[in-house]
Amino acid sequence: MPKRVDHEERRGQIAEALVRVAGRRGLHAVGMRDVAAEAGVSLRLVQYYFGTKEKLLLYGLQHLTDRFTARVGARLQAGGTAPSPRATAEALLLTSLPTDEEGRTFHLLYSSYAILSVTDEALAAQPFIKNPDAAEDALAGLLRQAQEAGLADPGVDARTEAISLLAMAAGMGTSILVGQRPPESAAEVLRHHLDRVFTPPAPAPAQGGQGR
């Protein structure tokens, strides 16, 4: 019997090839023929699965996002105990920094795709990614969870802080990529702001008794 083809596995193989070649050459310089050569398959097969370069890039970005989620999970699992909202938020933000080859590729390709989706009409015509607010929703949820547990100031606006932290992580990631800032410095800045956000309010001083 002929071997049954696992189509999702084949798509993943092609997406991995896209990530590798784009990490070396930049997303803007990658064509379907380059990806086919990297994956060791025919151009016709890449076209069969994805149809257009734009659909291939979108799938590749989602594949990269799935890999990022798995890395966050592995980082939390390495901690051993059930992670607190603060620890989970830190894992999410620090994993996004380009401190190793995987992180560098994630940040580079994600940023490149965002820019291309603005300047390329074909990319602009399709969704950016399946759920662009996933990280924002997750961070805001962690902050609300911490507030309910008394582990963060209830007066903090969770959504605004989540947006600020993600924007900060993205900017720090770019500064690492271009050599402006070492990874340790970027991580220290993010932890500083996480400490500020997740610090519970100080208890009110006890009222002294009335003098006689």
N, C-alpha and C. Protein backbone atom coordinates (compact mmCIF):
# COMPACT_ATOMS: atom_id res chain seq x y z
N MET A 1 0.84 -1.20 0.00
CA MET A 1 0.00 0.00 0.00
C MET A 1 0.88 1.25 0.00
N PRO A 2 0.47 2.28 -0.74
CA PRO A 2 1.23 3.53 -0.70
C PRO A 2 1.10 4.18 0.67
N LYS A 3 2.16 4.84 1.09
CA LYS A 3 2.16 5.49 2.40
C LYS A 3 1.17 6.64 2.41
N ARG A 4 0.35 6.67 3.47
CA ARG A 4 -0.64 7.74 3.59
C ARG A 4 0.05 9.04 3.98
N VAL A 5 -0.28 10.11 3.29
CA VAL A 5 0.36 11.40 3.53
C VAL A 5 -0.39 12.13 4.64
N ASP A 6 0.33 12.57 5.65
CA ASP A 6 -0.23 13.40 6.70
C ASP A 6 -0.10 14.85 6.22
N HIS A 7 -1.22 15.41 5.77
CA HIS A 7 -1.18 16.74 5.15
C HIS A 7 -0.78 17.83 6.14
N GLU A 8 -1.24 17.70 7.38
CA GLU A 8 -0.88 18.73 8.36
C GLU A 8 0.61 18.66 8.69
N GLU A 9 1.13 17.45 8.73
CA GLU A 9 2.57 17.29 8.96
C GLU A 9 3.36 17.88 7.79
N ARG A 10 2.87 17.69 6.58
CA ARG A 10 3.56 18.23 5.40
C ARG A 10 3.50 19.77 5.41
N ARG A 11 2.36 20.32 5.80
CA ARG A 11 2.27 21.78 5.91
C ARG A 11 3.25 22.30 6.96
N GLY A 12 3.35 21.58 8.08
CA GLY A 12 4.29 21.98 9.12
C GLY A 12 5.73 21.92 8.64
N GLN A 13 6.05 20.91 7.84
CA GLN A 13 7.39 20.79 7.28
C GLN A 13 7.71 21.99 6.39
N ILE A 14 6.76 22.39 5.59
CA ILE A 14 6.97 23.53 4.70
C ILE A 14 7.07 24.82 5.51
N ALA A 15 6.23 24.95 6.55
CA ALA A 15 6.28 26.14 7.39
C ALA A 15 7.63 26.25 8.11
N GLU A 16 8.16 25.12 8.58
CA GLU A 16 9.47 25.13 9.22
C GLU A 16 10.55 25.60 8.25
N ALA A 17 10.43 25.17 7.00
CA ALA A 17 11.39 25.60 5.98
C ALA A 17 11.28 27.10 5.75
N LEU A 18 10.06 27.61 5.74
CA LEU A 18 9.87 29.06 5.59
C LEU A 18 10.55 29.80 6.73
N VAL A 19 10.35 29.33 7.96
CA VAL A 19 10.94 29.98 9.13
C VAL A 19 12.47 29.98 9.03
N ARG A 20 13.04 28.86 8.62
CA ARG A 20 14.51 28.77 8.54
C ARG A 20 15.07 29.73 7.49
N VAL A 21 14.50 29.71 6.29
CA VAL A 21 15.06 30.53 5.22
C VAL A 21 14.77 32.01 5.48
N ALA A 22 13.61 32.32 6.03
CA ALA A 22 13.30 33.73 6.33
C ALA A 22 14.17 34.24 7.47
N GLY A 23 14.51 33.37 8.43
CA GLY A 23 15.41 33.77 9.50
C GLY A 23 16.79 34.13 9.00
N ARG A 24 17.21 33.50 7.91
CA ARG A 24 18.53 33.78 7.34
C ARG A 24 18.50 34.98 6.40
N ARG A 25 17.45 35.08 5.56
CA ARG A 25 17.46 36.05 4.48
C ARG A 25 16.50 37.22 4.67
N GLY A 26 15.59 37.11 5.62
CA GLY A 26 14.58 38.13 5.79
C GLY A 26 13.30 37.73 5.07
N LEU A 27 12.17 38.02 5.68
CA LEU A 27 10.89 37.58 5.14
C LEU A 27 10.62 38.19 3.76
N HIS A 28 11.04 39.42 3.56
CA HIS A 28 10.75 40.12 2.30
C HIS A 28 11.43 39.45 1.11
N ALA A 29 12.55 38.73 1.36
CA ALA A 29 13.34 38.16 0.27
C ALA A 29 12.98 36.71 -0.04
N VAL A 30 11.99 36.17 0.67
CA VAL A 30 11.67 34.75 0.53
C VAL A 30 10.57 34.55 -0.50
N GLY A 31 10.79 33.62 -1.43
CA GLY A 31 9.78 33.22 -2.41
C GLY A 31 9.38 31.77 -2.20
N MET A 32 8.31 31.35 -2.84
CA MET A 32 7.84 29.98 -2.68
C MET A 32 8.87 28.98 -3.19
N ARG A 33 9.62 29.34 -4.21
CA ARG A 33 10.65 28.46 -4.74
C ARG A 33 11.76 28.24 -3.70
N ASP A 34 12.12 29.32 -2.97
CA ASP A 34 13.13 29.20 -1.92
C ASP A 34 12.67 28.25 -0.82
N VAL A 35 11.41 28.37 -0.45
CA VAL A 35 10.86 27.52 0.61
C VAL A 35 10.83 26.07 0.15
N ALA A 36 10.43 25.85 -1.09
CA ALA A 36 10.39 24.48 -1.63
C ALA A 36 11.78 23.85 -1.59
N ALA A 37 12.78 24.61 -1.99
CA ALA A 37 14.16 24.09 -1.98
C ALA A 37 14.62 23.78 -0.57
N GLU A 38 14.28 24.65 0.38
CA GLU A 38 14.66 24.45 1.78
C GLU A 38 13.99 23.22 2.37
N ALA A 39 12.74 23.00 1.98
CA ALA A 39 11.98 21.87 2.51
C ALA A 39 12.29 20.57 1.78
N GLY A 40 12.97 20.66 0.63
CA GLY A 40 13.28 19.47 -0.15
C GLY A 40 12.09 18.90 -0.87
N VAL A 41 11.16 19.79 -1.26
CA VAL A 41 9.96 19.36 -1.99
C VAL A 41 9.86 20.20 -3.26
N SER A 42 8.91 19.85 -4.12
CA SER A 42 8.75 20.59 -5.37
C SER A 42 7.98 21.88 -5.14
N LEU A 43 8.20 22.85 -6.01
CA LEU A 43 7.43 24.09 -5.98
C LEU A 43 5.95 23.78 -6.16
N ARG A 44 5.64 22.84 -6.99
CA ARG A 44 4.25 22.47 -7.23
C ARG A 44 3.56 22.01 -5.93
N LEU A 45 4.30 21.30 -5.09
CA LEU A 45 3.71 20.82 -3.84
C LEU A 45 3.42 21.99 -2.89
N VAL A 46 4.34 22.95 -2.82
CA VAL A 46 4.11 24.13 -1.98
C VAL A 46 2.89 24.89 -2.48
N GLN A 47 2.77 25.02 -3.79
CA GLN A 47 1.62 25.71 -4.37
C GLN A 47 0.33 24.94 -4.13
N TYR A 48 0.42 23.61 -4.13
CA TYR A 48 -0.76 22.77 -3.88
C TYR A 48 -1.31 23.02 -2.48
N TYR A 49 -0.40 23.12 -1.49
CA TYR A 49 -0.85 23.28 -0.11
C TYR A 49 -1.25 24.71 0.24
N PHE A 50 -0.62 25.69 -0.39
CA PHE A 50 -0.84 27.07 0.04
C PHE A 50 -1.38 27.99 -1.05
N GLY A 51 -1.24 27.65 -2.28
CA GLY A 51 -1.81 28.44 -3.36
C GLY A 51 -1.03 29.70 -3.68
N THR A 52 -0.85 30.57 -2.69
CA THR A 52 -0.15 31.84 -2.91
C THR A 52 0.92 32.04 -1.83
N LYS A 53 1.83 32.90 -2.13
CA LYS A 53 2.88 33.23 -1.16
C LYS A 53 2.26 33.85 0.09
N GLU A 54 1.22 34.67 -0.10
CA GLU A 54 0.59 35.34 1.03
C GLU A 54 -0.01 34.33 2.01
N LYS A 55 -0.66 33.30 1.48
CA LYS A 55 -1.24 32.28 2.35
C LYS A 55 -0.15 31.47 3.05
N LEU A 56 0.94 31.24 2.36
CA LEU A 56 2.07 30.55 2.97
C LEU A 56 2.64 31.37 4.12
N LEU A 57 2.82 32.68 3.92
CA LEU A 57 3.37 33.53 4.97
C LEU A 57 2.44 33.58 6.17
N LEU A 58 1.14 33.66 5.93
CA LEU A 58 0.18 33.70 7.03
C LEU A 58 0.23 32.40 7.83
N TYR A 59 0.30 31.27 7.15
CA TYR A 59 0.38 29.98 7.83
C TYR A 59 1.70 29.88 8.60
N GLY A 60 2.78 30.37 8.00
CA GLY A 60 4.07 30.35 8.67
C GLY A 60 4.07 31.17 9.94
N LEU A 61 3.39 32.31 9.91
CA LEU A 61 3.32 33.16 11.10
C LEU A 61 2.52 32.47 12.20
N GLN A 62 1.42 31.81 11.83
CA GLN A 62 0.64 31.09 12.82
C GLN A 62 1.44 29.92 13.40
N HIS A 63 2.21 29.26 12.53
CA HIS A 63 3.07 28.17 12.98
C HIS A 63 4.09 28.69 13.99
N LEU A 64 4.65 29.86 13.71
CA LEU A 64 5.62 30.47 14.61
C LEU A 64 4.96 30.84 15.94
N THR A 65 3.72 31.33 15.88
CA THR A 65 2.98 31.68 17.09
C THR A 65 2.72 30.44 17.94
N ASP A 66 2.39 29.33 17.30
CA ASP A 66 2.16 28.08 18.03
C ASP A 66 3.45 27.62 18.72
N ARG A 67 4.56 27.78 18.03
CA ARG A 67 5.86 27.42 18.63
C ARG A 67 6.16 28.31 19.83
N PHE A 68 5.82 29.58 19.72
CA PHE A 68 6.04 30.52 20.83
C PHE A 68 5.21 30.09 22.05
N THR A 69 3.95 29.74 21.82
CA THR A 69 3.09 29.30 22.91
C THR A 69 3.67 28.07 23.60
N ALA A 70 4.21 27.15 22.81
CA ALA A 70 4.82 25.95 23.37
C ALA A 70 6.05 26.30 24.20
N ARG A 71 6.81 27.29 23.77
CA ARG A 71 8.00 27.71 24.52
C ARG A 71 7.62 28.35 25.85
N VAL A 72 6.55 29.13 25.85
CA VAL A 72 6.07 29.72 27.11
C VAL A 72 5.68 28.60 28.07
N GLY A 73 4.94 27.61 27.56
CA GLY A 73 4.53 26.49 28.39
C GLY A 73 5.71 25.71 28.96
N ALA A 74 6.73 25.50 28.13
CA ALA A 74 7.92 24.79 28.59
C ALA A 74 8.65 25.58 29.67
N ARG A 75 8.67 26.89 29.53
CA ARG A 75 9.34 27.74 30.53
C ARG A 75 8.61 27.66 31.87
N LEU A 76 7.29 27.65 31.82
CA LEU A 76 6.51 27.55 33.05
C LEU A 76 6.66 26.17 33.68
N GLN A 77 6.65 25.16 32.85
CA GLN A 77 6.78 23.79 33.35
C GLN A 77 8.12 23.56 34.04
N ALA A 78 9.14 24.23 33.54
CA ALA A 78 10.47 24.09 34.13
C ALA A 78 10.52 24.64 35.55
N GLY A 79 9.56 25.53 35.88
CA GLY A 79 9.51 26.10 37.23
C GLY A 79 9.05 25.09 38.27
N GLY A 80 8.39 24.03 37.85
CA GLY A 80 8.01 22.97 38.77
C GLY A 80 6.65 23.15 39.41
N THR A 81 6.48 24.18 40.20
CA THR A 81 5.21 24.39 40.92
C THR A 81 4.21 25.13 40.04
N ALA A 82 2.97 25.16 40.50
CA ALA A 82 1.93 25.90 39.76
C ALA A 82 2.30 27.38 39.71
N PRO A 83 2.43 27.96 38.53
CA PRO A 83 2.91 29.34 38.42
C PRO A 83 1.86 30.35 38.87
N SER A 84 2.32 31.42 39.49
CA SER A 84 1.45 32.53 39.87
C SER A 84 1.13 33.37 38.64
N PRO A 85 0.13 34.24 38.71
CA PRO A 85 -0.13 35.16 37.58
C PRO A 85 1.10 35.98 37.22
N ARG A 86 1.85 36.42 38.23
CA ARG A 86 3.07 37.20 37.98
C ARG A 86 4.11 36.38 37.23
N ALA A 87 4.32 35.12 37.65
CA ALA A 87 5.30 34.26 36.99
C ALA A 87 4.87 33.95 35.56
N THR A 88 3.58 33.76 35.34
CA THR A 88 3.09 33.46 34.00
C THR A 88 3.28 34.65 33.08
N ALA A 89 2.98 35.84 33.59
CA ALA A 89 3.17 37.06 32.79
C ALA A 89 4.64 37.25 32.44
N GLU A 90 5.51 36.98 33.40
CA GLU A 90 6.95 37.12 33.14
C GLU A 90 7.41 36.13 32.08
N ALA A 91 6.93 34.89 32.17
CA ALA A 91 7.31 33.88 31.18
C ALA A 91 6.88 34.30 29.78
N LEU A 92 5.67 34.82 29.66
CA LEU A 92 5.16 35.24 28.35
C LEU A 92 6.01 36.36 27.76
N LEU A 93 6.33 37.37 28.59
CA LEU A 93 7.07 38.53 28.09
C LEU A 93 8.53 38.20 27.81
N LEU A 94 9.17 37.46 28.71
CA LEU A 94 10.60 37.17 28.52
C LEU A 94 10.83 36.19 27.38
N THR A 95 9.87 35.29 27.14
CA THR A 95 10.02 34.37 26.01
C THR A 95 9.98 35.12 24.69
N SER A 96 9.30 36.25 24.65
CA SER A 96 9.21 37.02 23.40
C SER A 96 10.50 37.76 23.07
N LEU A 97 11.41 37.89 24.04
CA LEU A 97 12.66 38.61 23.78
C LEU A 97 13.61 37.74 22.96
N PRO A 98 14.34 38.33 22.01
CA PRO A 98 15.27 37.55 21.17
C PRO A 98 16.57 37.26 21.90
N THR A 99 16.49 36.40 22.92
CA THR A 99 17.67 36.07 23.71
C THR A 99 18.36 34.80 23.23
N ASP A 100 17.75 34.07 22.29
CA ASP A 100 18.37 32.90 21.68
C ASP A 100 17.92 32.85 20.22
N GLU A 101 18.36 31.83 19.49
CA GLU A 101 18.07 31.78 18.06
C GLU A 101 16.58 31.68 17.78
N GLU A 102 15.88 30.88 18.59
CA GLU A 102 14.44 30.74 18.41
C GLU A 102 13.72 32.07 18.66
N GLY A 103 14.11 32.75 19.74
CA GLY A 103 13.50 34.04 20.06
C GLY A 103 13.83 35.09 19.02
N ARG A 104 15.06 35.06 18.52
CA ARG A 104 15.46 36.01 17.48
C ARG A 104 14.62 35.82 16.22
N THR A 105 14.44 34.57 15.82
CA THR A 105 13.65 34.28 14.63
C THR A 105 12.21 34.72 14.81
N PHE A 106 11.64 34.44 15.98
CA PHE A 106 10.25 34.83 16.25
C PHE A 106 10.09 36.34 16.13
N HIS A 107 10.96 37.08 16.82
CA HIS A 107 10.82 38.54 16.82
C HIS A 107 11.05 39.12 15.43
N LEU A 108 12.07 38.62 14.75
CA LEU A 108 12.40 39.13 13.43
C LEU A 108 11.27 38.90 12.43
N LEU A 109 10.74 37.68 12.40
CA LEU A 109 9.70 37.34 11.42
C LEU A 109 8.38 38.00 11.76
N TYR A 110 8.04 38.04 13.03
CA TYR A 110 6.77 38.66 13.43
C TYR A 110 6.79 40.15 13.08
N SER A 111 7.91 40.83 13.40
CA SER A 111 8.02 42.26 13.09
C SER A 111 8.02 42.49 11.59
N SER A 112 8.73 41.64 10.85
CA SER A 112 8.80 41.79 9.40
C SER A 112 7.42 41.61 8.77
N TYR A 113 6.67 40.63 9.25
CA TYR A 113 5.35 40.38 8.70
C TYR A 113 4.43 41.56 8.98
N ALA A 114 4.53 42.14 10.18
CA ALA A 114 3.69 43.29 10.52
C ALA A 114 3.95 44.45 9.57
N ILE A 115 5.23 44.69 9.26
CA ILE A 115 5.57 45.79 8.35
C ILE A 115 5.12 45.47 6.94
N LEU A 116 5.35 44.24 6.49
CA LEU A 116 4.94 43.86 5.13
C LEU A 116 3.42 43.91 4.97
N SER A 117 2.68 43.59 6.03
CA SER A 117 1.22 43.60 5.93
C SER A 117 0.67 45.01 5.76
N VAL A 118 1.50 46.01 6.06
CA VAL A 118 1.09 47.39 5.85
C VAL A 118 1.43 47.86 4.43
N THR A 119 2.57 47.42 3.93
CA THR A 119 3.05 47.93 2.64
C THR A 119 2.72 47.03 1.45
N ASP A 120 2.35 45.78 1.71
CA ASP A 120 2.06 44.84 0.63
C ASP A 120 0.54 44.67 0.52
N GLU A 121 -0.02 45.02 -0.63
CA GLU A 121 -1.48 45.01 -0.78
C GLU A 121 -2.06 43.61 -0.62
N ALA A 122 -1.37 42.60 -1.12
CA ALA A 122 -1.88 41.23 -1.02
C ALA A 122 -1.92 40.76 0.43
N LEU A 123 -0.90 41.11 1.20
CA LEU A 123 -0.90 40.74 2.61
C LEU A 123 -1.92 41.55 3.39
N ALA A 124 -2.05 42.82 3.03
CA ALA A 124 -3.01 43.68 3.73
C ALA A 124 -4.44 43.21 3.52
N ALA A 125 -4.69 42.48 2.45
CA ALA A 125 -6.05 42.04 2.13
C ALA A 125 -6.49 40.83 2.94
N GLN A 126 -5.57 40.22 3.69
CA GLN A 126 -5.93 39.05 4.49
C GLN A 126 -5.70 39.36 5.97
N PRO A 127 -6.26 38.54 6.87
CA PRO A 127 -6.08 38.81 8.30
C PRO A 127 -4.61 38.81 8.67
N PHE A 128 -4.26 39.60 9.70
CA PHE A 128 -2.86 39.63 10.15
C PHE A 128 -2.48 38.28 10.72
N ILE A 129 -3.13 37.86 11.78
CA ILE A 129 -3.05 36.49 12.29
C ILE A 129 -4.42 36.12 12.83
N LYS A 130 -4.60 34.86 13.16
CA LYS A 130 -5.92 34.37 13.55
C LYS A 130 -6.47 35.11 14.77
N ASN A 131 -5.64 35.35 15.75
CA ASN A 131 -6.09 36.04 16.96
C ASN A 131 -5.03 37.03 17.41
N PRO A 132 -5.01 38.22 16.81
CA PRO A 132 -3.92 39.17 17.10
C PRO A 132 -3.92 39.69 18.54
N ASP A 133 -5.06 39.57 19.24
CA ASP A 133 -5.14 40.08 20.60
C ASP A 133 -4.93 39.00 21.66
N ALA A 134 -4.46 37.81 21.26
CA ALA A 134 -4.36 36.70 22.20
C ALA A 134 -3.43 37.03 23.37
N ALA A 135 -2.25 37.57 23.09
CA ALA A 135 -1.30 37.88 24.16
C ALA A 135 -1.84 38.99 25.06
N GLU A 136 -2.47 39.99 24.46
CA GLU A 136 -3.05 41.09 25.23
C GLU A 136 -4.15 40.57 26.15
N ASP A 137 -5.02 39.72 25.61
CA ASP A 137 -6.09 39.14 26.42
C ASP A 137 -5.53 38.31 27.57
N ALA A 138 -4.49 37.53 27.27
CA ALA A 138 -3.89 36.66 28.29
C ALA A 138 -3.28 37.49 29.42
N LEU A 139 -2.53 38.53 29.07
CA LEU A 139 -1.90 39.37 30.09
C LEU A 139 -2.95 40.11 30.92
N ALA A 140 -3.95 40.66 30.26
CA ALA A 140 -5.01 41.36 30.99
C ALA A 140 -5.72 40.40 31.94
N GLY A 141 -5.96 39.18 31.49
CA GLY A 141 -6.59 38.18 32.34
C GLY A 141 -5.74 37.84 33.55
N LEU A 142 -4.43 37.73 33.37
CA LEU A 142 -3.54 37.45 34.49
C LEU A 142 -3.55 38.58 35.51
N LEU A 143 -3.59 39.80 35.01
CA LEU A 143 -3.64 40.95 35.92
C LEU A 143 -4.94 40.97 36.72
N ARG A 144 -6.05 40.68 36.06
CA ARG A 144 -7.33 40.65 36.76
C ARG A 144 -7.34 39.53 37.81
N GLN A 145 -6.76 38.40 37.44
CA GLN A 145 -6.66 37.27 38.37
C GLN A 145 -5.85 37.66 39.60
N ALA A 146 -4.75 38.37 39.38
CA ALA A 146 -3.91 38.82 40.49
C ALA A 146 -4.67 39.84 41.35
N GLN A 147 -5.41 40.72 40.72
CA GLN A 147 -6.19 41.72 41.47
C GLN A 147 -7.22 41.04 42.36
N GLU A 148 -7.90 40.03 41.82
CA GLU A 148 -8.92 39.33 42.60
C GLU A 148 -8.31 38.57 43.77
N ALA A 149 -7.05 38.15 43.63
CA ALA A 149 -6.36 37.41 44.69
C ALA A 149 -5.62 38.34 45.65
N GLY A 150 -5.74 39.65 45.44
CA GLY A 150 -5.04 40.60 46.29
C GLY A 150 -3.56 40.69 46.02
N LEU A 151 -3.14 40.28 44.81
CA LEU A 151 -1.72 40.28 44.44
C LEU A 151 -1.35 41.43 43.52
N ALA A 152 -2.27 42.31 43.27
CA ALA A 152 -2.01 43.49 42.44
C ALA A 152 -2.98 44.59 42.86
N ASP A 153 -2.59 45.80 42.58
CA ASP A 153 -3.40 46.96 42.95
C ASP A 153 -4.74 46.91 42.21
N PRO A 154 -5.86 46.89 42.92
CA PRO A 154 -7.16 46.84 42.25
C PRO A 154 -7.47 48.09 41.43
N GLY A 155 -6.72 49.18 41.69
CA GLY A 155 -6.95 50.41 40.94
C GLY A 155 -6.28 50.44 39.58
N VAL A 156 -5.42 49.45 39.28
CA VAL A 156 -4.72 49.39 38.00
C VAL A 156 -5.68 48.93 36.91
N ASP A 157 -5.64 49.56 35.75
CA ASP A 157 -6.46 49.12 34.61
C ASP A 157 -5.71 47.99 33.90
N ALA A 158 -6.25 46.78 34.01
CA ALA A 158 -5.55 45.59 33.52
C ALA A 158 -5.29 45.66 32.02
N ARG A 159 -6.26 46.09 31.24
CA ARG A 159 -6.08 46.14 29.79
C ARG A 159 -4.99 47.12 29.40
N THR A 160 -5.01 48.30 29.99
CA THR A 160 -4.00 49.32 29.66
C THR A 160 -2.60 48.84 30.02
N GLU A 161 -2.47 48.23 31.19
CA GLU A 161 -1.16 47.72 31.60
C GLU A 161 -0.68 46.60 30.69
N ALA A 162 -1.59 45.73 30.26
CA ALA A 162 -1.21 44.65 29.35
C ALA A 162 -0.70 45.21 28.03
N ILE A 163 -1.39 46.19 27.49
CA ILE A 163 -0.96 46.83 26.24
C ILE A 163 0.43 47.46 26.42
N SER A 164 0.62 48.13 27.55
CA SER A 164 1.90 48.80 27.80
C SER A 164 3.05 47.80 27.91
N LEU A 165 2.82 46.69 28.61
CA LEU A 165 3.86 45.69 28.80
C LEU A 165 4.24 45.03 27.48
N LEU A 166 3.25 44.74 26.65
CA LEU A 166 3.54 44.11 25.36
C LEU A 166 4.29 45.07 24.44
N ALA A 167 3.88 46.34 24.45
CA ALA A 167 4.58 47.33 23.62
C ALA A 167 6.02 47.50 24.10
N MET A 168 6.21 47.46 25.41
CA MET A 168 7.55 47.57 25.97
C MET A 168 8.40 46.37 25.57
N ALA A 169 7.84 45.17 25.64
CA ALA A 169 8.57 43.97 25.26
C ALA A 169 8.96 44.00 23.79
N ALA A 170 8.04 44.47 22.94
CA ALA A 170 8.34 44.56 21.51
C ALA A 170 9.48 45.54 21.25
N GLY A 171 9.43 46.70 21.91
CA GLY A 171 10.51 47.68 21.75
C GLY A 171 11.83 47.18 22.27
N MET A 172 11.80 46.51 23.41
CA MET A 172 13.03 45.94 23.97
C MET A 172 13.60 44.87 23.04
N GLY A 173 12.71 44.07 22.44
CA GLY A 173 13.16 43.04 21.52
C GLY A 173 13.90 43.63 20.34
N THR A 174 13.38 44.71 19.79
CA THR A 174 14.04 45.36 18.66
C THR A 174 15.39 45.94 19.08
N SER A 175 15.45 46.51 20.28
CA SER A 175 16.71 47.08 20.75
C SER A 175 17.77 45.99 20.94
N ILE A 176 17.35 44.78 21.32
CA ILE A 176 18.30 43.66 21.42
C ILE A 176 18.78 43.25 20.04
N LEU A 177 17.84 43.15 19.09
CA LEU A 177 18.18 42.72 17.74
C LEU A 177 19.22 43.62 17.10
N VAL A 178 19.09 44.93 17.29
CA VAL A 178 20.01 45.86 16.63
C VAL A 178 21.25 46.13 17.46
N GLY A 179 21.38 45.46 18.61
CA GLY A 179 22.59 45.59 19.41
C GLY A 179 22.63 46.80 20.31
N GLN A 180 21.49 47.47 20.49
CA GLN A 180 21.46 48.65 21.34
C GLN A 180 21.49 48.28 22.82
N ARG A 181 20.89 47.13 23.15
CA ARG A 181 20.74 46.76 24.55
C ARG A 181 20.99 45.26 24.73
N PRO A 182 21.74 44.85 25.74
CA PRO A 182 21.92 43.41 25.98
C PRO A 182 20.64 42.79 26.52
N PRO A 183 20.43 41.50 26.28
CA PRO A 183 19.20 40.84 26.74
C PRO A 183 18.97 40.99 28.25
N GLU A 184 20.05 40.93 29.05
CA GLU A 184 19.90 41.02 30.50
C GLU A 184 19.29 42.35 30.92
N SER A 185 19.70 43.43 30.24
CA SER A 185 19.18 44.76 30.55
C SER A 185 17.70 44.85 30.22
N ALA A 186 17.31 44.30 29.05
CA ALA A 186 15.90 44.32 28.65
C ALA A 186 15.05 43.53 29.63
N ALA A 187 15.54 42.36 30.04
CA ALA A 187 14.79 41.54 30.99
C ALA A 187 14.65 42.26 32.33
N GLU A 188 15.68 42.97 32.75
CA GLU A 188 15.64 43.70 34.01
C GLU A 188 14.59 44.81 33.97
N VAL A 189 14.50 45.50 32.85
CA VAL A 189 13.50 46.56 32.71
C VAL A 189 12.09 45.98 32.77
N LEU A 190 11.87 44.86 32.05
CA LEU A 190 10.55 44.24 32.07
C LEU A 190 10.18 43.76 33.47
N ARG A 191 11.12 43.17 34.18
CA ARG A 191 10.84 42.70 35.54
C ARG A 191 10.53 43.87 36.47
N HIS A 192 11.21 44.98 36.26
CA HIS A 192 10.95 46.18 37.06
C HIS A 192 9.49 46.61 36.90
N HIS A 193 9.00 46.62 35.68
CA HIS A 193 7.62 47.06 35.45
C HIS A 193 6.62 46.01 35.90
N LEU A 194 6.98 44.74 35.79
CA LEU A 194 6.10 43.68 36.32
C LEU A 194 5.99 43.80 37.83
N ASP A 195 7.10 44.09 38.50
CA ASP A 195 7.07 44.28 39.95
C ASP A 195 6.14 45.43 40.32
N ARG A 196 6.20 46.49 39.53
CA ARG A 196 5.34 47.65 39.81
C ARG A 196 3.87 47.28 39.65
N VAL A 197 3.55 46.57 38.55
CA VAL A 197 2.15 46.25 38.25
C VAL A 197 1.59 45.23 39.23
N PHE A 198 2.41 44.23 39.59
CA PHE A 198 1.91 43.13 40.41
C PHE A 198 2.14 43.34 41.90
N THR A 199 2.58 44.52 42.32
CA THR A 199 2.74 44.79 43.74
C THR A 199 1.40 45.14 44.35
N PRO A 200 0.95 44.41 45.35
CA PRO A 200 -0.35 44.73 45.97
C PRO A 200 -0.27 46.03 46.74
N PRO A 201 -1.38 46.70 46.94
CA PRO A 201 -1.35 47.95 47.70
C PRO A 201 -0.94 47.71 49.14
N ALA A 202 -0.23 48.66 49.70
CA ALA A 202 0.17 48.54 51.10
C ALA A 202 -1.06 48.65 51.99
N PRO A 203 -1.10 47.87 53.07
CA PRO A 203 -2.26 47.97 53.96
C PRO A 203 -2.34 49.34 54.62
N ALA A 204 -3.54 49.77 54.84
CA ALA A 204 -3.74 51.07 55.49
C ALA A 204 -3.24 51.01 56.92
N PRO A 205 -2.60 52.07 57.40
CA PRO A 205 -2.11 52.06 58.79
C PRO A 205 -3.26 51.93 59.75
N ALA A 206 -3.03 51.17 60.83
CA ALA A 206 -4.07 50.99 61.84
C ALA A 206 -4.36 52.32 62.54
N GLN A 207 -5.62 52.55 62.79
CA GLN A 207 -6.00 53.77 63.50
C GLN A 207 -5.66 53.65 64.97
N GLY A 208 -4.96 54.64 65.49
CA GLY A 208 -4.63 54.60 66.92
C GLY A 208 -5.86 54.88 67.78
N GLY A 209 -5.78 54.46 69.01
CA GLY A 209 -6.91 54.68 69.91
C GLY A 209 -7.05 56.16 70.25
N GLN A 210 -8.25 56.56 70.65
CA GLN A 210 -8.51 57.95 71.04
C GLN A 210 -7.86 58.25 72.39
N GLY A 211 -7.18 59.35 72.45
CA GLY A 211 -6.58 59.74 73.73
C GLY A 211 -7.63 60.10 74.75
N ARG A 212 -7.34 59.89 76.04
CA ARG A 212 -8.31 60.19 77.10
C ARG A 212 -8.10 61.57 77.63
